[in-house]
Amino acid sequence: MKRSRSIVLTTLIAGSGVSLSACDGDVGGKPVDALSYRTVAECRQAGTIPAAQCDTAFAQAQKANDQNAPRFGDRASCEAQFGEAQCQLRNNGSFFTPLLTGFIVGQMLNGGGGYRGAPMYRDRNGNYFGGAGGMLSRNYTTGRTQIGSDAFNPAARSAPARVQSRSSVISRGGFGGGFGGRGFGG
C-alpha cells in the first residue's frame, strides 16, 4: 500500500513537471500571474487594483492593440481564427485585426512596481490570448490566471512583420499556433 502511493505521487509530480515545461514555451515567455477584465468598469468593481491603475492598464492595452494587433489580409482569414463579425478593417482598409475583447493586467516585471496592461483577444473557440500571442491559462491548483511575460514586454510585441493569410493561419493552427488545452474563459 505504501509503495503504490509513492509511485502514484511520483508519477503525478513527474506529469506536472512535464505540463509546466510544455506550458512555458506556449505562453510567450516566463509564465506570470495576471488579471483579466473585459471592461474598465469590471476592473474597478473587482477592487483588486486601484481604480486609476485600471484606467492606465486599459490605455496601455489599447495602445498596444493599435500598434501590434494580429493582422490579416482579408476578413475571411481573420474570422477563421476569431469568429464571424469579430474582426475590423484597419489602416485605411489595408488589413483586418480582431476586436479587442478586454485587457490583461500584470505586475511590472523586474521589481518595477505598479501594473501594466496588455490587450486580450478571444478566438472562435473561446480561448483568450494576450498581445504577444500567448494563450491565457488558468492554473486550477492556485486559481490564478497566467500569461507569458512577453504580453507585457513592449519589445516582444513588435508589429507583425507580415499580414497573415488564410493559409498561414490554417497551417499554424491559428493565432500563436500550436497551443494545447483550453484558455481562460472569462
Protein backbone atom coordinates (compact mmCIF):
# COMPACT_ATOMS: atom_id res chain seq x y z
CA MET A 1 0.00 0.00 0.00
CA LYS A 2 2.73 2.44 0.98
CA ARG A 3 4.76 1.65 -2.15
CA SER A 4 1.81 2.17 -4.52
CA ARG A 5 1.08 5.60 -3.01
CA SER A 6 4.64 6.76 -3.60
CA ILE A 7 4.54 5.51 -7.19
CA VAL A 8 1.30 7.40 -7.84
CA LEU A 9 2.64 10.55 -6.18
CA THR A 10 5.91 10.34 -8.10
CA THR A 11 4.00 9.85 -11.35
CA LEU A 12 1.80 12.88 -10.62
CA ILE A 13 4.80 15.06 -9.80
CA ALA A 14 6.61 13.93 -12.96
CA GLY A 15 3.48 14.58 -15.04
CA SER A 16 3.00 18.06 -13.62
CA GLY A 17 6.65 18.91 -14.37
CA VAL A 18 6.10 17.97 -17.99
CA SER A 19 2.99 20.10 -18.27
CA LEU A 20 4.69 23.10 -16.69
CA SER A 21 7.62 22.92 -19.08
CA ALA A 22 5.26 22.42 -22.01
CA CYS A 23 3.25 25.48 -20.98
CA ASP A 24 6.36 27.64 -20.60
CA GLY A 25 7.04 27.63 -24.33
CA ASP A 26 3.40 28.13 -25.30
CA VAL A 27 2.58 31.26 -23.35
CA GLY A 28 5.28 33.55 -24.78
CA GLY A 29 7.96 33.97 -22.13
CA LYS A 30 8.06 33.04 -18.47
CA PRO A 31 4.52 32.44 -17.12
CA VAL A 32 3.42 35.31 -14.88
CA ASP A 33 0.27 35.85 -12.85
CA ALA A 34 -2.20 38.26 -14.40
CA LEU A 35 -5.73 39.57 -14.04
CA SER A 36 -8.06 39.79 -16.99
CA TYR A 37 -11.07 42.05 -17.46
CA ARG A 38 -13.50 42.70 -20.27
CA THR A 39 -14.05 46.35 -19.28
CA VAL A 40 -12.57 49.08 -17.11
CA ALA A 41 -15.78 49.04 -15.04
CA GLU A 42 -15.31 45.32 -14.35
CA CYS A 43 -11.72 46.02 -13.24
CA ARG A 44 -12.81 48.82 -10.91
CA GLN A 45 -15.66 46.78 -9.46
CA ALA A 46 -13.32 43.87 -8.65
CA GLY A 47 -11.31 46.19 -6.39
CA THR A 48 -8.16 44.09 -6.77
CA ILE A 49 -6.08 47.02 -8.02
CA PRO A 50 -6.62 50.78 -7.62
CA ALA A 51 -9.21 52.27 -10.00
CA ALA A 52 -6.63 54.63 -11.53
CA GLN A 53 -4.47 51.61 -12.37
CA CYS A 54 -7.45 50.05 -14.19
CA ASP A 55 -7.65 53.14 -16.40
CA THR A 56 -3.90 53.16 -17.03
CA ALA A 57 -3.76 49.44 -17.82
CA PHE A 58 -6.66 49.75 -20.27
CA ALA A 59 -5.00 52.71 -22.01
CA GLN A 60 -1.77 50.69 -22.34
CA ALA A 61 -3.74 47.75 -23.76
CA GLN A 62 -5.45 50.00 -26.32
CA LYS A 63 -2.13 51.50 -27.40
CA ALA A 64 -0.54 48.05 -27.78
CA ASN A 65 -3.62 46.88 -29.71
CA ASP A 66 -3.37 49.83 -32.11
CA GLN A 67 0.31 49.14 -32.76
CA ASN A 68 0.61 45.37 -32.60
CA ALA A 69 -2.69 43.56 -33.10
CA PRO A 70 -2.51 40.43 -35.27
CA ARG A 71 -3.03 41.45 -38.91
CA PHE A 72 -4.87 39.63 -41.65
CA GLY A 73 -5.02 40.38 -45.37
CA ASP A 74 -8.74 39.67 -45.62
CA ARG A 75 -11.80 39.37 -43.39
CA ALA A 76 -12.21 35.62 -44.05
CA SER A 77 -8.72 34.85 -42.70
CA CYS A 78 -9.32 36.89 -39.57
CA GLU A 79 -12.77 35.40 -39.00
CA ALA A 80 -11.40 31.87 -39.48
CA GLN A 81 -9.40 32.45 -36.30
CA PHE A 82 -11.57 34.86 -34.29
CA GLY A 83 -15.12 34.16 -35.45
CA GLU A 84 -17.79 35.84 -37.53
CA ALA A 85 -18.17 39.60 -37.01
CA GLN A 86 -15.16 39.65 -34.65
CA CYS A 87 -12.74 41.45 -36.99
CA GLN A 88 -12.38 45.06 -38.06
CA LEU A 89 -10.87 46.82 -41.03
CA ARG A 90 -7.84 48.93 -40.06
CA ASN A 91 -5.27 51.30 -41.51
CA ASN A 92 -7.48 52.75 -44.25
CA GLY A 93 -8.53 49.31 -45.41
CA SER A 94 -5.10 47.70 -45.76
CA PHE A 95 -5.69 44.86 -43.25
CA PHE A 96 -8.07 43.34 -40.68
CA THR A 97 -7.48 42.80 -36.95
CA PRO A 98 -9.52 41.00 -34.27
CA LEU A 99 -11.65 43.07 -31.94
CA LEU A 100 -10.13 43.89 -28.57
CA THR A 101 -12.20 41.80 -26.15
CA GLY A 102 -10.65 43.02 -22.94
CA PHE A 103 -7.33 43.61 -21.27
CA ILE A 104 -4.82 41.83 -19.09
CA VAL A 105 -3.23 43.46 -16.05
CA GLY A 106 0.04 42.20 -14.59
CA GLN A 107 2.65 43.43 -12.16
CA MET A 108 5.52 45.17 -13.87
CA LEU A 109 8.46 42.85 -14.20
CA ASN A 110 11.91 43.18 -12.60
CA GLY A 111 10.59 44.79 -9.40
CA GLY A 112 9.33 47.89 -11.22
CA GLY A 113 6.22 48.12 -9.04
CA GLY A 114 2.82 49.11 -10.33
CA TYR A 115 0.81 47.36 -13.02
CA ARG A 116 1.00 47.08 -16.78
CA GLY A 117 -1.80 46.47 -19.26
CA ALA A 118 -1.88 44.36 -22.43
CA PRO A 119 -4.61 43.63 -24.99
CA MET A 120 -6.72 40.50 -24.85
CA TYR A 121 -8.38 38.74 -27.80
CA ARG A 122 -10.88 35.86 -27.86
CA ASP A 123 -10.72 33.29 -30.64
CA ARG A 124 -13.66 31.45 -32.16
CA ASN A 125 -13.11 28.51 -29.75
CA GLY A 126 -13.43 30.68 -26.64
CA ASN A 127 -9.70 30.80 -25.85
CA TYR A 128 -8.21 34.10 -24.73
CA PHE A 129 -4.85 35.38 -25.97
CA GLY A 130 -2.59 38.22 -24.89
CA GLY A 131 -0.99 40.77 -27.18
CA ALA A 132 2.17 38.74 -27.84
CA GLY A 133 0.12 35.74 -28.98
CA GLY A 134 0.32 33.69 -25.77
CA MET A 135 -2.79 31.97 -24.51
CA LEU A 136 -4.12 32.94 -21.11
CA SER A 137 -4.21 29.83 -18.98
CA ARG A 138 -5.87 29.06 -15.71
CA ASN A 139 -3.79 27.38 -13.02
CA TYR A 140 -6.50 25.31 -11.41
CA THR A 141 -4.30 24.48 -8.42
CA THR A 142 -3.85 28.12 -7.40
CA GLY A 143 -6.90 29.58 -9.18
CA ARG A 144 -4.70 32.21 -10.84
CA THR A 145 -4.65 33.29 -14.45
CA GLN A 146 -1.28 33.16 -16.18
CA ILE A 147 0.15 34.58 -19.39
CA GLY A 148 3.64 34.70 -20.79
CA SER A 149 5.71 37.68 -19.69
CA ASP A 150 6.08 38.71 -23.35
CA ALA A 151 2.48 40.01 -23.21
CA PHE A 152 3.74 42.89 -21.02
CA ASN A 153 7.06 43.44 -22.78
CA PRO A 154 6.76 46.17 -25.43
CA ALA A 155 9.87 44.85 -27.22
CA ALA A 156 8.24 41.43 -27.64
CA ARG A 157 5.08 43.00 -29.08
CA SER A 158 6.51 44.40 -32.26
CA ALA A 159 4.02 44.70 -35.08
CA PRO A 160 3.64 41.55 -37.16
CA ALA A 161 6.22 41.53 -39.94
CA ARG A 162 3.63 40.47 -42.48
CA VAL A 163 -0.09 40.37 -42.88
CA GLN A 164 -1.39 36.85 -42.24
CA SER A 165 -3.23 34.98 -44.95
CA ARG A 166 -5.83 32.24 -44.60
CA SER A 167 -3.28 29.54 -45.48
CA SER A 168 -0.77 30.75 -42.86
CA VAL A 169 -3.48 30.76 -40.15
CA ILE A 170 -4.60 27.24 -41.03
CA SER A 171 -1.07 25.81 -41.29
CA ARG A 172 -0.12 27.22 -37.87
CA GLY A 173 -3.31 26.22 -36.13
CA GLY A 174 -4.34 29.83 -35.50
CA PHE A 175 -3.04 32.96 -33.75
CA GLY A 176 0.10 31.96 -31.89
CA GLY A 177 -0.19 28.40 -33.22
CA GLY A 178 0.34 25.11 -31.50
CA PHE A 179 -1.48 25.68 -28.21
CA GLY A 180 -2.76 22.64 -26.41
CA GLY A 181 -5.52 22.82 -23.84
CA ARG A 182 -8.12 25.41 -23.11
CA GLY A 183 -7.57 29.05 -22.25
CA PHE A 184 -9.11 31.20 -19.60
CA GLY A 185 -12.77 31.79 -20.35
CA GLY A 186 -13.74 34.90 -18.51
